[in-house]
N, C-alpha and C. Protein backbone atom coordinates (compact mmCIF):
# COMPACT_ATOMS: atom_id res chain seq x y z
N MET A 1 -25.34 15.85 7.70
CA MET A 1 -23.27 16.33 7.60
C MET A 1 -23.27 15.98 5.89
N PRO A 2 -22.83 16.96 6.20
CA PRO A 2 -21.67 17.27 4.73
C PRO A 2 -20.96 16.26 4.36
N ASN A 3 -20.55 15.80 2.98
CA ASN A 3 -20.32 14.97 2.61
C ASN A 3 -18.70 15.19 2.15
N GLU A 4 -17.92 14.87 3.26
CA GLU A 4 -16.82 15.27 3.72
C GLU A 4 -15.69 14.02 2.77
N LEU A 5 -14.52 14.10 2.33
CA LEU A 5 -13.32 12.89 2.09
C LEU A 5 -12.46 13.04 3.35
N LYS A 6 -12.49 11.62 3.03
CA LYS A 6 -11.28 10.89 4.37
C LYS A 6 -10.79 11.47 3.75
N PRO A 7 -9.36 11.88 4.19
CA PRO A 7 -7.75 11.86 4.24
C PRO A 7 -7.40 10.67 4.29
N ILE A 8 -6.32 10.76 3.13
CA ILE A 8 -5.00 9.80 2.91
C ILE A 8 -4.21 9.58 3.61
N ASN A 9 -4.33 8.06 4.20
CA ASN A 9 -3.17 8.25 5.02
C ASN A 9 -1.84 8.11 3.96
N PRO A 10 -0.76 8.25 4.92
CA PRO A 10 0.18 8.75 3.56
C PRO A 10 1.33 7.74 3.65
N ARG A 11 0.51 6.27 4.68
CA ARG A 11 1.26 5.30 3.55
C ARG A 11 0.58 3.81 3.60
N LYS A 12 0.77 2.83 2.70
CA LYS A 12 -0.07 1.60 2.71
C LYS A 12 0.69 0.48 2.51
N THR A 13 0.05 -0.07 3.86
CA THR A 13 1.21 -1.75 4.39
C THR A 13 0.25 -2.50 2.96
N ILE A 14 1.51 -3.35 2.32
CA ILE A 14 1.13 -4.50 1.61
C ILE A 14 1.92 -5.46 2.27
N LEU A 15 0.84 -6.20 2.16
CA LEU A 15 1.54 -7.48 2.65
C LEU A 15 1.83 -8.67 1.81
N SER A 16 1.28 -8.78 0.71
CA SER A 16 1.56 -10.14 -0.57
C SER A 16 2.58 -9.04 -0.85
N MET A 17 3.49 -10.38 -1.35
CA MET A 17 4.65 -9.50 -2.70
C MET A 17 4.39 -9.81 -3.64
N ARG A 18 3.86 -10.08 -4.50
CA ARG A 18 2.95 -10.76 -5.79
C ARG A 18 2.44 -9.16 -5.63
N VAL A 19 1.48 -8.43 -5.01
CA VAL A 19 1.33 -6.80 -5.36
C VAL A 19 1.94 -5.62 -5.27
N ALA A 20 2.87 -6.61 -4.11
CA ALA A 20 4.57 -5.46 -3.90
C ALA A 20 4.68 -4.92 -5.34
N ARG A 21 5.32 -6.28 -5.93
CA ARG A 21 5.60 -6.41 -7.13
C ARG A 21 5.18 -5.94 -8.15
N GLU A 22 3.96 -5.84 -8.69
CA GLU A 22 3.01 -4.99 -9.03
C GLU A 22 3.13 -3.98 -8.60
N LEU A 23 3.09 -3.50 -7.99
CA LEU A 23 3.13 -2.35 -7.76
C LEU A 23 4.58 -1.25 -7.89
N LEU A 24 5.64 -1.81 -8.00
CA LEU A 24 6.40 -1.39 -7.85
C LEU A 24 7.00 -1.33 -9.36
N ALA A 25 6.36 -1.76 -10.26
CA ALA A 25 6.51 -2.46 -11.61
C ALA A 25 5.97 -0.94 -12.22
N ARG A 26 4.86 -0.59 -11.68
CA ARG A 26 3.35 0.14 -11.96
C ARG A 26 3.87 1.83 -12.24
N GLY A 27 4.92 1.59 -11.25
CA GLY A 27 5.59 2.76 -11.29
C GLY A 27 5.82 3.25 -9.28
N HIS A 28 4.83 2.86 -8.47
CA HIS A 28 4.58 3.38 -7.44
C HIS A 28 5.31 3.27 -5.89
N ARG A 29 5.78 4.03 -5.30
CA ARG A 29 6.72 4.72 -4.72
C ARG A 29 6.96 3.35 -3.35
N ILE A 30 7.71 3.12 -3.10
CA ILE A 30 8.20 1.88 -2.33
C ILE A 30 8.78 3.01 -1.05
N ILE A 31 8.54 3.21 0.36
CA ILE A 31 8.89 3.79 1.32
C ILE A 31 9.74 2.75 2.06
N ASP A 32 9.22 1.51 3.09
CA ASP A 32 10.61 0.66 3.69
C ASP A 32 9.93 -0.43 3.44
N ILE A 33 10.65 -1.59 3.92
CA ILE A 33 10.38 -3.02 4.05
C ILE A 33 10.55 -3.52 5.61
N GLN A 34 9.75 -4.37 6.27
CA GLN A 34 9.42 -4.49 7.67
C GLN A 34 9.25 -5.80 7.71
N TYR A 35 9.15 -5.96 9.34
CA TYR A 35 8.67 -7.50 9.31
C TYR A 35 7.08 -7.32 9.82
N SER A 36 6.61 -7.81 9.33
CA SER A 36 5.10 -8.19 9.84
C SER A 36 4.43 -8.44 11.21
N ARG A 37 3.82 -7.18 11.28
CA ARG A 37 2.99 -7.42 12.71
C ARG A 37 2.26 -8.52 12.77
N LYS A 38 1.22 -8.98 11.81
CA LYS A 38 0.74 -9.39 11.69
C LYS A 38 0.73 -11.02 11.66
N ASP A 39 2.06 -10.64 11.25
CA ASP A 39 2.60 -12.91 10.47
C ASP A 39 3.85 -12.81 10.33
N PRO A 40 4.30 -13.11 12.16
CA PRO A 40 6.01 -12.89 12.36
C PRO A 40 6.62 -13.47 11.47
N GLY A 41 7.99 -13.16 10.86
CA GLY A 41 8.86 -13.65 9.84
C GLY A 41 8.36 -13.37 8.80
N ALA A 42 7.16 -12.50 7.99
CA ALA A 42 7.37 -12.36 6.95
C ALA A 42 7.31 -10.36 7.11
N ALA A 43 7.35 -10.37 5.51
CA ALA A 43 7.61 -9.17 5.24
C ALA A 43 6.04 -7.82 5.55
N ALA A 44 6.16 -6.55 5.35
CA ALA A 44 5.38 -5.97 4.81
C ALA A 44 6.07 -4.93 4.58
N TYR A 45 5.88 -4.57 3.30
CA TYR A 45 5.65 -3.85 2.13
C TYR A 45 5.14 -2.22 2.16
N LEU A 46 5.91 -1.24 2.59
CA LEU A 46 5.19 0.61 2.98
C LEU A 46 4.86 0.74 1.58
N PHE A 47 4.22 1.63 1.15
CA PHE A 47 4.41 2.40 -0.16
C PHE A 47 3.69 3.70 0.08
N GLU A 48 4.15 5.02 -0.50
CA GLU A 48 3.95 5.67 -0.20
C GLU A 48 2.16 5.75 -1.09
N ASN A 49 1.31 6.22 -0.14
CA ASN A 49 0.05 5.66 -0.94
C ASN A 49 -0.85 7.68 -1.76
N SER A 50 -1.03 6.80 -2.60
CA SER A 50 -1.71 8.26 -3.42
C SER A 50 -3.29 6.93 -3.72
N GLU A 51 -3.77 8.51 -5.08
CA GLU A 51 -5.60 8.35 -5.20
C GLU A 51 -5.22 7.21 -6.32
N GLU A 52 -3.70 6.93 -7.28
CA GLU A 52 -3.42 6.04 -8.27
C GLU A 52 -3.82 4.56 -8.01
N LEU A 53 -2.60 4.12 -6.47
CA LEU A 53 -2.63 3.23 -5.76
C LEU A 53 -3.70 2.64 -5.32
N GLU A 54 -4.54 3.94 -4.43
CA GLU A 54 -5.76 3.40 -3.92
C GLU A 54 -6.42 2.62 -5.06
N ASN A 55 -6.64 3.54 -6.29
CA ASN A 55 -7.95 2.79 -7.35
C ASN A 55 -7.35 1.47 -7.90
N TYR A 56 -5.39 1.29 -8.12
CA TYR A 56 -5.14 0.42 -8.63
C TYR A 56 -5.79 -1.20 -7.71
N LEU A 57 -5.17 -0.62 -5.99
CA LEU A 57 -6.00 -1.68 -5.32
C LEU A 57 -6.84 -2.06 -4.85
N THR A 58 -8.24 -1.14 -5.47
CA THR A 58 -9.76 -1.78 -5.44
C THR A 58 -9.74 -2.47 -6.99
N GLN A 59 -9.37 -2.60 -8.11
CA GLN A 59 -9.36 -2.97 -9.07
C GLN A 59 -9.11 -4.84 -8.53
N LEU A 60 -7.87 -5.46 -8.08
CA LEU A 60 -7.36 -6.15 -7.70
C LEU A 60 -8.18 -7.24 -7.33
């Protein structure tokens, strides 16, 4: 099987307000804020996904 790149989902959901604020401060684009399906009453921050965002999240 050839080494295929996995396509990047166009959105990345962040459940932490602290991480969402860090991403915004670093210039990442937020698409929407919705209620979290996993934690009723909490917010889910939807960001435009990119390689830079994925790389930053792996460093946390």
